[in-house]
Amino acid sequence: MKKTKLFSGLGVLALIGGILVAADHIDAPSSSGTTADIADFYGFEPSEGSDHTVFVVDLQSNVLPDLAYGTFDESILTEINIDTNNDLVEDLVIQAIPRNGRMYFFGLQPPSQTGLSGTILVDAPLGSVEISQATAITETTSDGIQLFAGPRQDAFYFDFFQFNAVIGGMAPGGFKTADEAEDTFNGANTMSIVVEVPNSLLGSTSGTNALGLTVYKAWVTTNKKQ
Protein backbone atom coordinates (compact mmCIF):
# COMPACT_ATOMS: atom_id res chain seq x y z
CA MET A 1 0.00 0.00 0.00
CA LYS A 2 1.30 3.43 -0.88
CA LYS A 3 1.88 5.71 2.06
CA THR A 4 2.71 9.35 2.66
CA LYS A 5 4.80 10.92 5.39
CA LEU A 6 3.98 10.16 8.98
CA PHE A 7 1.40 12.37 10.71
CA SER A 8 1.60 12.49 14.50
CA GLY A 9 -1.41 13.08 16.73
CA LEU A 10 -2.25 16.44 18.26
CA GLY A 11 -5.92 16.50 19.33
CA VAL A 12 -8.41 13.80 20.22
CA LEU A 13 -12.16 14.00 20.87
CA ALA A 14 -14.42 10.98 21.26
CA LEU A 15 -18.09 10.14 21.21
CA ILE A 16 -20.15 7.01 21.46
CA GLY A 17 -23.39 6.92 19.69
CA GLY A 18 -25.97 7.74 17.14
CA ILE A 19 -27.31 10.98 18.61
CA LEU A 20 -24.55 12.08 20.95
CA VAL A 21 -22.34 15.14 20.85
CA ALA A 22 -18.85 15.62 22.18
CA ALA A 23 -17.48 19.14 22.63
CA ASP A 24 -14.50 20.72 24.29
CA HIS A 25 -13.58 23.97 22.46
CA ILE A 26 -10.27 24.02 24.35
CA ASP A 27 -7.95 21.24 23.25
CA ALA A 28 -4.66 19.95 24.58
CA PRO A 29 -1.84 22.52 24.89
CA SER A 30 -0.15 21.27 21.73
CA SER A 31 -3.19 22.09 19.59
CA SER A 32 -5.31 24.59 21.54
CA GLY A 33 -6.03 27.68 19.48
CA THR A 34 -4.38 26.23 16.39
CA THR A 35 -5.72 24.96 13.07
CA ALA A 36 -5.65 21.45 14.60
CA ASP A 37 -7.92 22.42 17.52
CA ILE A 38 -11.03 20.19 17.62
CA ALA A 39 -14.08 22.14 18.76
CA ASP A 40 -16.86 19.54 18.35
CA PHE A 41 -17.52 16.06 17.03
CA TYR A 42 -21.07 14.99 16.18
CA GLY A 43 -22.48 11.65 15.05
CA PHE A 44 -26.16 11.17 14.23
CA GLU A 45 -28.78 9.74 11.90
CA PRO A 46 -29.94 12.38 9.39
CA SER A 47 -33.53 11.31 10.08
CA GLU A 48 -35.23 8.81 12.35
CA GLY A 49 -34.77 5.29 11.06
CA SER A 50 -32.25 6.34 8.43
CA ASP A 51 -29.72 3.77 7.23
CA HIS A 52 -27.03 6.48 7.02
CA THR A 53 -24.77 8.02 9.66
CA VAL A 54 -23.46 11.59 9.58
CA PHE A 55 -20.10 12.50 11.13
CA VAL A 56 -19.31 16.19 11.68
CA VAL A 57 -15.92 17.48 12.79
CA ASP A 58 -15.66 21.16 13.74
CA LEU A 59 -12.17 22.65 13.89
CA GLN A 60 -10.90 26.09 14.94
CA SER A 61 -13.55 27.33 17.35
CA ASN A 62 -12.21 30.91 17.18
CA VAL A 63 -13.26 31.69 13.59
CA LEU A 64 -15.10 34.94 14.32
CA PRO A 65 -17.60 36.66 11.99
CA ASP A 66 -15.02 38.96 10.42
CA LEU A 67 -13.00 35.84 9.62
CA ALA A 68 -16.03 33.87 8.53
CA TYR A 69 -14.33 32.30 5.54
CA GLY A 70 -11.24 30.85 7.11
CA THR A 71 -9.00 28.19 5.68
CA PHE A 72 -8.04 24.64 6.48
CA ASP A 73 -4.40 23.90 7.23
CA GLU A 74 -2.78 21.75 4.53
CA SER A 75 -0.39 20.27 7.09
CA ILE A 76 -3.24 18.85 9.22
CA LEU A 77 -4.76 15.42 8.61
CA THR A 78 -8.16 14.88 10.28
CA GLU A 79 -9.17 11.28 11.00
CA ILE A 80 -12.56 9.91 12.02
CA ASN A 81 -11.89 6.59 13.76
CA ILE A 82 -14.61 3.94 14.01
CA ASP A 83 -14.56 0.88 16.29
CA THR A 84 -16.70 -1.99 14.98
CA ASN A 85 -15.85 -4.74 17.48
CA ASN A 86 -16.03 -2.94 20.83
CA ASP A 87 -12.32 -3.12 21.68
CA LEU A 88 -11.83 0.68 21.59
CA VAL A 89 -9.29 0.36 18.78
CA GLU A 90 -10.13 1.82 15.40
CA ASP A 91 -11.14 -0.75 12.77
CA LEU A 92 -12.05 1.78 10.09
CA VAL A 93 -10.78 5.28 9.46
CA ILE A 94 -12.00 8.19 7.34
CA GLN A 95 -9.26 10.71 6.57
CA ALA A 96 -9.58 14.29 5.32
CA ILE A 97 -6.82 16.62 4.16
CA PRO A 98 -7.04 19.88 2.17
CA ARG A 99 -5.11 20.71 -0.97
CA ASN A 100 -5.48 23.77 -3.20
CA GLY A 101 -9.05 24.64 -2.25
CA ARG A 102 -10.40 21.09 -2.11
CA MET A 103 -10.85 18.63 0.74
CA TYR A 104 -9.69 15.12 -0.16
CA PHE A 105 -11.10 12.10 1.66
CA PHE A 106 -9.55 8.64 2.03
CA GLY A 107 -10.37 5.45 3.84
CA LEU A 108 -13.34 3.58 5.13
CA GLN A 109 -10.54 1.08 5.38
CA PRO A 110 -8.50 -0.28 8.28
CA PRO A 111 -5.77 2.22 9.19
CA SER A 112 -2.16 1.51 8.27
CA GLN A 113 -1.43 1.85 12.00
CA THR A 114 -3.60 2.46 15.04
CA GLY A 115 -3.14 5.06 17.73
CA LEU A 116 -2.21 8.72 17.50
CA SER A 117 -0.02 8.54 14.40
CA GLY A 118 -0.89 7.52 10.86
CA THR A 119 -0.34 7.86 7.15
CA ILE A 120 -2.73 8.82 4.37
CA LEU A 121 -4.40 5.82 2.74
CA VAL A 122 -3.66 7.02 -0.78
CA ASP A 123 -4.75 3.66 -2.23
CA ALA A 124 -8.25 4.15 -0.78
CA PRO A 125 -9.59 7.49 -2.09
CA LEU A 126 -13.19 8.25 -1.14
CA GLY A 127 -13.59 11.44 -3.15
CA SER A 128 -13.13 15.16 -2.80
CA VAL A 129 -15.18 18.33 -2.56
CA GLU A 130 -14.47 21.98 -3.20
CA ILE A 131 -14.07 23.82 0.10
CA SER A 132 -17.17 25.99 0.45
CA GLN A 133 -17.08 29.72 0.96
CA ALA A 134 -20.26 31.81 0.78
CA THR A 135 -22.31 28.98 -0.76
CA ALA A 136 -22.41 25.43 0.58
CA ILE A 137 -21.07 22.83 -1.87
CA THR A 138 -21.50 19.08 -1.45
CA GLU A 139 -20.40 16.07 -3.47
CA THR A 140 -21.87 12.57 -3.46
CA THR A 141 -19.64 9.65 -4.43
CA SER A 142 -20.66 6.62 -6.46
CA ASP A 143 -20.92 4.71 -3.14
CA GLY A 144 -23.48 7.18 -1.82
CA ILE A 145 -21.07 8.99 0.54
CA GLN A 146 -21.83 12.70 0.82
CA LEU A 147 -18.96 15.14 1.50
CA PHE A 148 -18.72 18.75 2.68
CA ALA A 149 -15.97 21.03 3.96
CA GLY A 150 -16.13 24.72 4.83
CA PRO A 151 -17.12 27.31 7.44
CA ARG A 152 -20.32 26.79 9.43
CA GLN A 153 -21.83 28.72 12.32
CA ASP A 154 -20.77 27.24 15.65
CA ALA A 155 -23.62 25.05 16.90
CA PHE A 156 -22.31 24.87 20.47
CA TYR A 157 -24.56 26.84 22.88
CA PHE A 158 -22.67 27.69 26.06
CA ASP A 159 -22.46 30.64 28.46
CA PHE A 160 -18.69 30.42 28.72
CA PHE A 161 -18.12 33.52 30.84
CA GLN A 162 -20.77 32.61 33.43
CA PHE A 163 -19.34 29.11 33.59
CA ASN A 164 -15.89 30.53 34.38
CA ALA A 165 -17.43 32.83 37.00
CA VAL A 166 -19.16 29.90 38.70
CA ILE A 167 -16.12 27.63 38.84
CA GLY A 168 -13.99 30.59 39.94
CA GLY A 169 -16.28 31.33 42.87
CA MET A 170 -17.26 34.72 41.46
CA ALA A 171 -20.95 33.97 40.84
CA PRO A 172 -22.70 33.30 44.17
CA GLY A 173 -26.02 33.04 42.35
CA GLY A 174 -24.75 30.15 40.25
CA PHE A 175 -25.70 29.60 36.68
CA LYS A 176 -28.18 31.83 34.88
CA THR A 177 -31.60 30.62 33.82
CA ALA A 178 -32.16 29.57 30.21
CA ASP A 179 -33.76 32.95 29.48
CA GLU A 180 -30.86 34.91 31.01
CA ALA A 181 -27.94 32.84 29.71
CA GLU A 182 -25.85 34.25 26.89
CA ASP A 183 -24.63 32.21 23.94
CA THR A 184 -20.93 33.05 24.00
CA PHE A 185 -20.34 31.43 20.61
CA ASN A 186 -23.25 33.09 18.81
CA GLY A 187 -21.97 34.47 15.53
CA ALA A 188 -18.70 32.58 15.72
CA ASN A 189 -17.85 29.99 13.12
CA THR A 190 -15.94 26.75 12.85
CA MET A 191 -14.24 25.06 9.92
CA SER A 192 -16.38 21.96 9.42
CA ILE A 193 -15.81 18.60 7.78
CA VAL A 194 -18.96 16.53 7.16
CA VAL A 195 -19.22 12.96 5.90
CA GLU A 196 -22.54 11.12 5.50
CA VAL A 197 -22.01 7.39 5.08
CA PRO A 198 -24.41 4.52 4.31
CA ASN A 199 -24.37 2.20 7.33
CA SER A 200 -23.77 -0.75 5.00
CA LEU A 201 -20.23 0.61 4.49
CA LEU A 202 -19.59 1.03 8.23
CA GLY A 203 -20.18 -2.54 9.28
CA SER A 204 -21.59 -3.56 12.64
CA THR A 205 -22.38 -1.15 15.44
CA SER A 206 -20.07 -1.63 18.39
CA GLY A 207 -21.83 -0.41 21.52
CA THR A 208 -25.04 0.56 23.28
CA ASN A 209 -25.84 4.09 24.39
CA ALA A 210 -27.78 5.34 27.41
CA LEU A 211 -31.06 4.93 25.50
CA GLY A 212 -30.35 1.28 24.81
CA LEU A 213 -29.70 1.89 21.12
CA THR A 214 -26.90 0.13 19.30
CA VAL A 215 -24.38 2.69 18.09
CA TYR A 216 -20.95 3.14 16.56
CA LYS A 217 -18.07 4.06 18.83
CA ALA A 218 -16.09 6.79 17.13
CA TRP A 219 -13.53 9.47 17.84
CA VAL A 220 -11.67 12.07 15.85
CA THR A 221 -7.97 12.93 15.84
CA THR A 222 -6.00 15.72 14.22
CA ASN A 223 -2.48 14.97 13.10
CA LYS A 224 0.35 17.18 11.88
CA LYS A 225 2.81 16.22 9.16
CA GLN A 226 6.26 15.33 10.47
C-alpha atoms as a PDB file:
ATOM      1  CA  MET A   1       0.000   0.000   0.000  1.00  0.00           C
ATOM      2  CA  LYS A   2       1.305   3.432  -0.883  1.00  0.00           C
ATOM      3  CA  LYS A   3       1.876   5.711   2.059  1.00  0.00           C
ATOM      4  CA  THR A   4       2.715   9.346   2.657  1.00  0.00           C
ATOM      5  CA  LYS A   5       4.800  10.916   5.385  1.00  0.00           C
ATOM      6  CA  LEU A   6       3.980  10.160   8.985  1.00  0.00           C
ATOM      7  CA  PHE A   7       1.401  12.367  10.705  1.00  0.00           C
ATOM      8  CA  SER A   8       1.600  12.493  14.502  1.00  0.00           C
ATOM      9  CA  GLY A   9      -1.414  13.075  16.726  1.00  0.00           C
ATOM     10  CA  LEU A  10      -2.254  16.443  18.264  1.00  0.00           C
ATOM     11  CA  GLY A  11      -5.915  16.502  19.326  1.00  0.00           C
ATOM     12  CA  VAL A  12      -8.407  13.796  20.222  1.00  0.00           C
ATOM     13  CA  LEU A  13     -12.156  14.003  20.867  1.00  0.00           C
ATOM     14  CA  ALA A  14     -14.416  10.982  21.260  1.00  0.00           C
ATOM     15  CA  LEU A  15     -18.088  10.135  21.215  1.00  0.00           C
ATOM     16  CA  ILE A  16     -20.152   7.012  21.463  1.00  0.00           C
ATOM     17  CA  GLY A  17     -23.391   6.921  19.689  1.00  0.00           C
ATOM     18  CA  GLY A  18     -25.971   7.740  17.139  1.00  0.00           C
ATOM     19  CA  ILE A  19     -27.306  10.976  18.610  1.00  0.00           C
ATOM     20  CA  LEU A  20     -24.550  12.078  20.949  1.00  0.00           C
ATOM     21  CA  VAL A  21     -22.343  15.137  20.846  1.00  0.00           C
ATOM     22  CA  ALA A  22     -18.847  15.625  22.175  1.00  0.00           C
ATOM     23  CA  ALA A  23     -17.478  19.140  22.631  1.00  0.00           C
ATOM     24  CA  ASP A  24     -14.497  20.716  24.293  1.00  0.00           C
ATOM     25  CA  HIS A  25     -13.576  23.966  22.455  1.00  0.00           C
ATOM     26  CA  ILE A  26     -10.274  24.017  24.347  1.00  0.00           C
ATOM     27  CA  ASP A  27      -7.955  21.241  23.254  1.00  0.00           C
ATOM     28  CA  ALA A  28      -4.661  19.950  24.575  1.00  0.00           C
ATOM     29  CA  PRO A  29      -1.843  22.524  24.886  1.00  0.00           C
ATOM     30  CA  SER A  30      -0.147  21.267  21.726  1.00  0.00           C
ATOM     31  CA  SER A  31      -3.191  22.091  19.591  1.00  0.00           C
ATOM     32  CA  SER A  32      -5.315  24.593  21.544  1.00  0.00           C
ATOM     33  CA  GLY A  33      -6.032  27.679  19.479  1.00  0.00           C
ATOM     34  CA  THR A  34      -4.378  26.229  16.388  1.00  0.00           C
ATOM     35  CA  THR A  35      -5.719  24.956  13.067  1.00  0.00           C
ATOM     36  CA  ALA A  36      -5.651  21.453  14.605  1.00  0.00           C
ATOM     37  CA  ASP A  37      -7.920  22.415  17.517  1.00  0.00           C
ATOM     38  CA  ILE A  38     -11.028  20.190  17.622  1.00  0.00           C
ATOM     39  CA  ALA A  39     -14.081  22.136  18.760  1.00  0.00           C
ATOM     40  CA  ASP A  40     -16.859  19.542  18.354  1.00  0.00           C
ATOM     41  CA  PHE A  41     -17.515  16.061  17.035  1.00  0.00           C
ATOM     42  CA  TYR A  42     -21.068  14.986  16.178  1.00  0.00           C
ATOM     43  CA  GLY A  43     -22.481  11.649  15.047  1.00  0.00           C
ATOM     44  CA  PHE A  44     -26.157  11.174  14.228  1.00  0.00           C
ATOM     45  CA  GLU A  45     -28.776   9.743  11.904  1.00  0.00           C
ATOM     46  CA  PRO A  46     -29.936  12.380   9.386  1.00  0.00           C
ATOM     47  CA  SER A  47     -33.529  11.306  10.078  1.00  0.00           C
ATOM     48  CA  GLU A  48     -35.231   8.808  12.348  1.00  0.00           C
ATOM     49  CA  GLY A  49     -34.774   5.293  11.065  1.00  0.00           C
ATOM     50  CA  SER A  50     -32.248   6.335   8.435  1.00  0.00           C
ATOM     51  CA  ASP A  51     -29.721   3.775   7.228  1.00  0.00           C
ATOM     52  CA  HIS A  52     -27.035   6.484   7.016  1.00  0.00           C
ATOM     53  CA  THR A  53     -24.770   8.020   9.664  1.00  0.00           C
ATOM     54  CA  VAL A  54     -23.459  11.591   9.576  1.00  0.00           C
ATOM     55  CA  PHE A  55     -20.103  12.504  11.129  1.00  0.00           C
ATOM     56  CA  VAL A  56     -19.314  16.194  11.685  1.00  0.00           C
ATOM     57  CA  VAL A  57     -15.915  17.477  12.794  1.00  0.00           C
ATOM     58  CA  ASP A  58     -15.659  21.160  13.742  1.00  0.00           C
ATOM     59  CA  LEU A  59     -12.166  22.647  13.889  1.00  0.00           C
ATOM     60  CA  GLN A  60     -10.898  26.087  14.937  1.00  0.00           C
ATOM     61  CA  SER A  61     -13.550  27.326  17.350  1.00  0.00           C
ATOM     62  CA  ASN A  62     -12.214  30.906  17.178  1.00  0.00           C
ATOM     63  CA  VAL A  63     -13.263  31.688  13.591  1.00  0.00           C
ATOM     64  CA  LEU A  64     -15.096  34.944  14.319  1.00  0.00           C
ATOM     65  CA  PRO A  65     -17.599  36.661  11.989  1.00  0.00           C
ATOM     66  CA  ASP A  66     -15.024  38.964  10.417  1.00  0.00           C
ATOM     67  CA  LEU A  67     -12.997  35.837   9.619  1.00  0.00           C
ATOM     68  CA  ALA A  68     -16.028  33.866   8.527  1.00  0.00           C
ATOM     69  CA  TYR A  69     -14.329  32.296   5.540  1.00  0.00           C
ATOM     70  CA  GLY A  70     -11.243  30.846   7.107  1.00  0.00           C
ATOM     71  CA  THR A  71      -9.001  28.189   5.679  1.00  0.00           C
ATOM     72  CA  PHE A  72      -8.042  24.635   6.480  1.00  0.00           C
ATOM     73  CA  ASP A  73      -4.396  23.902   7.229  1.00  0.00           C
ATOM     74  CA  GLU A  74      -2.781  21.746   4.528  1.00  0.00           C
ATOM     75  CA  SER A  75      -0.387  20.270   7.094  1.00  0.00           C
ATOM     76  CA  ILE A  76      -3.241  18.852   9.218  1.00  0.00           C
ATOM     77  CA  LEU A  77      -4.758  15.423   8.615  1.00  0.00           C
ATOM     78  CA  THR A  78      -8.156  14.885  10.279  1.00  0.00           C
ATOM     79  CA  GLU A  79      -9.166  11.284  11.003  1.00  0.00           C
ATOM     80  CA  ILE A  80     -12.558   9.912  12.017  1.00  0.00           C
ATOM     81  CA  ASN A  81     -11.892   6.587  13.759  1.00  0.00           C
ATOM     82  CA  ILE A  82     -14.607   3.938  14.007  1.00  0.00           C
ATOM     83  CA  ASP A  83     -14.564   0.878  16.291  1.00  0.00           C
ATOM     84  CA  THR A  84     -16.700  -1.990  14.977  1.00  0.00           C
ATOM     85  CA  ASN A  85     -15.847  -4.744  17.476  1.00  0.00           C
ATOM     86  CA  ASN A  86     -16.030  -2.939  20.831  1.00  0.00           C
ATOM     87  CA  ASP A  87     -12.316  -3.117  21.683  1.00  0.00           C
ATOM     88  CA  LEU A  88     -11.830   0.680  21.591  1.00  0.00           C
ATOM     89  CA  VAL A  89      -9.286   0.360  18.783  1.00  0.00           C
ATOM     90  CA  GLU A  90     -10.128   1.817  15.399  1.00  0.00           C
ATOM     91  CA  ASP A  91     -11.140  -0.751  12.775  1.00  0.00           C
ATOM     92  CA  LEU A  92     -12.050   1.783  10.087  1.00  0.00           C
ATOM     93  CA  VAL A  93     -10.781   5.285   9.464  1.00  0.00           C
ATOM     94  CA  ILE A  94     -12.002   8.192   7.337  1.00  0.00           C
ATOM     95  CA  GLN A  95      -9.255  10.710   6.567  1.00  0.00           C
ATOM     96  CA  ALA A  96      -9.578  14.292   5.319  1.00  0.00           C
ATOM     97  CA  ILE A  97      -6.817  16.616   4.158  1.00  0.00           C
ATOM     98  CA  PRO A  98      -7.039  19.879   2.171  1.00  0.00           C
ATOM     99  CA  ARG A  99      -5.114  20.707  -0.972  1.00  0.00           C
ATOM    100  CA  ASN A 100      -5.480  23.773  -3.197  1.00  0.00           C
ATOM    101  CA  GLY A 101      -9.053  24.640  -2.252  1.00  0.00           C
ATOM    102  CA  ARG A 102     -10.401  21.091  -2.105  1.00  0.00           C
ATOM    103  CA  MET A 103     -10.848  18.626   0.740  1.00  0.00           C
ATOM    104  CA  TYR A 104      -9.690  15.120  -0.163  1.00  0.00           C
ATOM    105  CA  PHE A 105     -11.097  12.095   1.660  1.00  0.00           C
ATOM    106  CA  PHE A 106      -9.551   8.644   2.027  1.00  0.00           C
ATOM    107  CA  GLY A 107     -10.366   5.452   3.840  1.00  0.00           C
ATOM    108  CA  LEU A 108     -13.344   3.582   5.128  1.00  0.00           C
ATOM    109  CA  GLN A 109     -10.541   1.076   5.383  1.00  0.00           C
ATOM    110  CA  PRO A 110      -8.503  -0.284   8.285  1.00  0.00           C
ATOM    111  CA  PRO A 111      -5.769   2.217   9.193  1.00  0.00           C
ATOM    112  CA  SER A 112      -2.155   1.513   8.271  1.00  0.00           C
ATOM    113  CA  GLN A 113      -1.435   1.847  11.995  1.00  0.00           C
ATOM    114  CA  THR A 114      -3.602   2.457  15.043  1.00  0.00           C
ATOM    115  CA  GLY A 115      -3.135   5.061  17.727  1.00  0.00           C
ATOM    116  CA  LEU A 116      -2.209   8.722  17.498  1.00  0.00           C
ATOM    117  CA  SER A 117      -0.022   8.543  14.396  1.00  0.00           C
ATOM    118  CA  GLY A 118      -0.891   7.523  10.863  1.00  0.00           C
ATOM    119  CA  THR A 119      -0.343   7.861   7.148  1.00  0.00           C
ATOM    120  CA  ILE A 120      -2.726   8.817   4.368  1.00  0.00           C
ATOM    121  CA  LEU A 121      -4.396   5.818   2.739  1.00  0.00           C
ATOM    122  CA  VAL A 122      -3.662   7.017  -0.781  1.00  0.00           C
ATOM    123  CA  ASP A 123      -4.747   3.658  -2.228  1.00  0.00           C
ATOM    124  CA  ALA A 124      -8.251   4.147  -0.780  1.00  0.00           C
ATOM    125  CA  PRO A 125      -9.588   7.492  -2.086  1.00  0.00           C
ATOM    126  CA  LEU A 126     -13.187   8.249  -1.140  1.00  0.00           C
ATOM    127  CA  GLY A 127     -13.587  11.438  -3.146  1.00  0.00           C
ATOM    128  CA  SER A 128     -13.127  15.165  -2.803  1.00  0.00           C
ATOM    129  CA  VAL A 129     -15.181  18.334  -2.561  1.00  0.00           C
ATOM    130  CA  GLU A 130     -14.468  21.983  -3.201  1.00  0.00           C
ATOM    131  CA  ILE A 131     -14.069  23.823   0.101  1.00  0.00           C
ATOM    132  CA  SER A 132     -17.169  25.988   0.453  1.00  0.00           C
ATOM    133  CA  GLN A 133     -17.080  29.722   0.957  1.00  0.00           C
ATOM    134  CA  ALA A 134     -20.255  31.813   0.776  1.00  0.00           C
ATOM    135  CA  THR A 135     -22.308  28.977  -0.757  1.00  0.00           C
ATOM    136  CA  ALA A 136     -22.405  25.426   0.577  1.00  0.00           C
ATOM    137  CA  ILE A 137     -21.072  22.826  -1.868  1.00  0.00           C
ATOM    138  CA  THR A 138     -21.499  19.076  -1.455  1.00  0.00           C
ATOM    139  CA  GLU A 139     -20.401  16.067  -3.475  1.00  0.00           C
ATOM    140  CA  THR A 140     -21.867  12.571  -3.461  1.00  0.00           C
ATOM    141  CA  THR A 141     -19.645   9.649  -4.430  1.00  0.00           C
ATOM    142  CA  SER A 142     -20.657   6.616  -6.464  1.00  0.00           C
ATOM    143  CA  ASP A 143     -20.916   4.715  -3.142  1.00  0.00           C
ATOM    144  CA  GLY A 144     -23.478   7.176  -1.820  1.00  0.00           C
ATOM    145  CA  ILE A 145     -21.071   8.989   0.537  1.00  0.00           C
ATOM    146  CA  GLN A 146     -21.831  12.701   0.820  1.00  0.00           C
ATOM    147  CA  LEU A 147     -18.964  15.138   1.496  1.00  0.00           C
ATOM    148  CA  PHE A 148     -18.720  18.751   2.683  1.00  0.00           C
ATOM    149  CA  ALA A 149     -15.967  21.028   3.958  1.00  0.00           C
ATOM    150  CA  GLY A 150     -16.127  24.715   4.826  1.00  0.00           C
ATOM    151  CA  PRO A 151     -17.120  27.307   7.440  1.00  0.00           C
ATOM    152  CA  ARG A 152     -20.317  26.790   9.429  1.00  0.00           C
ATOM    153  CA  GLN A 153     -21.826  28.722  12.324  1.00  0.00           C
ATOM    154  CA  ASP A 154     -20.766  27.242  15.652  1.00  0.00           C
ATOM    155  CA  ALA A 155     -23.621  25.052  16.901  1.00  0.00           C
ATOM    156  CA  PHE A 156     -22.307  24.867  20.465  1.00  0.00           C
ATOM    157  CA  TYR A 157     -24.564  26.835  22.881  1.00  0.00           C
ATOM    158  CA  PHE A 158     -22.671  27.686  26.056  1.00  0.00           C
ATOM    159  CA  ASP A 159     -22.465  30.641  28.459  1.00  0.00           C
ATOM    160  CA  PHE A 160     -18.691  30.417  28.718  1.00  0.00           C
ATOM    161  CA  PHE A 161     -18.119  33.523  30.842  1.00  0.00           C
ATOM    162  CA  GLN A 162     -20.770  32.605  33.428  1.00  0.00           C
ATOM    163  CA  PHE A 163     -19.336  29.110  33.589  1.00  0.00           C
ATOM    164  CA  ASN A 164     -15.893  30.527  34.380  1.00  0.00           C
ATOM    165  CA  ALA A 165     -17.427  32.832  37.002  1.00  0.00           C
ATOM    166  CA  VAL A 166     -19.162  29.901  38.701  1.00  0.00           C
ATOM    167  CA  ILE A 167     -16.122  27.628  38.840  1.00  0.00           C
ATOM    168  CA  GLY A 168     -13.988  30.594  39.944  1.00  0.00           C
ATOM    169  CA  GLY A 169     -16.282  31.328  42.875  1.00  0.00           C
ATOM    170  CA  MET A 170     -17.265  34.722  41.459  1.00  0.00           C
ATOM    171  CA  ALA A 171     -20.947  33.970  40.841  1.00  0.00           C
ATOM    172  CA  PRO A 172     -22.703  33.296  44.173  1.00  0.00           C
ATOM    173  CA  GLY A 173     -26.021  33.040  42.354  1.00  0.00           C
ATOM    174  CA  GLY A 174     -24.755  30.149  40.254  1.00  0.00           C
ATOM    175  CA  PHE A 175     -25.696  29.596  36.684  1.00  0.00           C
ATOM    176  CA  LYS A 176     -28.182  31.835  34.881  1.00  0.00           C
ATOM    177  CA  THR A 177     -31.598  30.619  33.816  1.00  0.00           C
ATOM    178  CA  ALA A 178     -32.158  29.571  30.213  1.00  0.00           C
ATOM    179  CA  ASP A 179     -33.759  32.952  29.484  1.00  0.00           C
ATOM    180  CA  GLU A 180     -30.863  34.906  31.014  1.00  0.00           C
ATOM    181  CA  ALA A 181     -27.939  32.841  29.708  1.00  0.00           C
ATOM    182  CA  GLU A 182     -25.848  34.255  26.894  1.00  0.00           C
ATOM    183  CA  ASP A 183     -24.628  32.214  23.938  1.00  0.00           C
ATOM    184  CA  THR A 184     -20.928  33.052  23.997  1.00  0.00           C
ATOM    185  CA  PHE A 185     -20.341  31.427  20.607  1.00  0.00           C
ATOM    186  CA  ASN A 186     -23.252  33.094  18.813  1.00  0.00           C
ATOM    187  CA  GLY A 187     -21.972  34.470  15.529  1.00  0.00           C
ATOM    188  CA  ALA A 188     -18.698  32.582  15.723  1.00  0.00           C
ATOM    189  CA  ASN A 189     -17.847  29.989  13.117  1.00  0.00           C
ATOM    190  CA  THR A 190     -15.941  26.753  12.853  1.00  0.00           C
ATOM    191  CA  MET A 191     -14.245  25.062   9.922  1.00  0.00           C
ATOM    192  CA  SER A 192     -16.379  21.964   9.424  1.00  0.00           C
ATOM    193  CA  ILE A 193     -15.812  18.598   7.779  1.00  0.00           C
ATOM    194  CA  VAL A 194     -18.956  16.530   7.165  1.00  0.00           C
ATOM    195  CA  VAL A 195     -19.224  12.957   5.900  1.00  0.00           C
ATOM    196  CA  GLU A 196     -22.539  11.125   5.499  1.00  0.00           C
ATOM    197  CA  VAL A 197     -22.005   7.387   5.077  1.00  0.00           C
ATOM    198  CA  PRO A 198     -24.411   4.521   4.311  1.00  0.00           C
ATOM    199  CA  ASN A 199     -24.371   2.204   7.330  1.00  0.00           C
ATOM    200  CA  SER A 200     -23.766  -0.745   5.003  1.00  0.00           C
ATOM    201  CA  LEU A 201     -20.227   0.607   4.491  1.00  0.00           C
ATOM    202  CA  LEU A 202     -19.587   1.029   8.226  1.00  0.00           C
ATOM    203  CA  GLY A 203     -20.180  -2.545   9.283  1.00  0.00           C
ATOM    204  CA  SER A 204     -21.591  -3.564  12.643  1.00  0.00           C
ATOM    205  CA  THR A 205     -22.380  -1.155  15.441  1.00  0.00           C
ATOM    206  CA  SER A 206     -20.067  -1.628  18.393  1.00  0.00           C
ATOM    207  CA  GLY A 207     -21.830  -0.414  21.521  1.00  0.00           C
ATOM    208  CA  THR A 208     -25.037   0.558  23.281  1.00  0.00           C
ATOM    209  CA  ASN A 209     -25.839   4.094  24.386  1.00  0.00           C
ATOM    210  CA  ALA A 210     -27.781   5.338  27.413  1.00  0.00           C
ATOM    211  CA  LEU A 211     -31.057   4.929  25.503  1.00  0.00           C
ATOM    212  CA  GLY A 212     -30.347   1.278  24.813  1.00  0.00           C
ATOM    213  CA  LEU A 213     -29.703   1.892  21.116  1.00  0.00           C
ATOM    214  CA  THR A 214     -26.898   0.131  19.300  1.00  0.00           C
ATOM    215  CA  VAL A 215     -24.378   2.693  18.087  1.00  0.00           C
ATOM    216  CA  TYR A 216     -20.947   3.139  16.564  1.00  0.00           C
ATOM    217  CA  LYS A 217     -18.075   4.062  18.833  1.00  0.00           C
ATOM    218  CA  ALA A 218     -16.091   6.788  17.132  1.00  0.00           C
ATOM    219  CA  TRP A 219     -13.526   9.469  17.843  1.00  0.00           C
ATOM    220  CA  VAL A 220     -11.666  12.074  15.854  1.00  0.00           C
ATOM    221  CA  THR A 221      -7.971  12.935  15.836  1.00  0.00           C
ATOM    222  CA  THR A 222      -5.999  15.718  14.220  1.00  0.00           C
ATOM    223  CA  ASN A 223      -2.484  14.965  13.100  1.00  0.00           C
ATOM    224  CA  LYS A 224       0.350  17.181  11.881  1.00  0.00           C
ATOM    225  CA  LYS A 225       2.805  16.219   9.156  1.00  0.00           C
ATOM    226  CA  GLN A 226       6.262  15.330  10.470  1.00  0.00           C
END
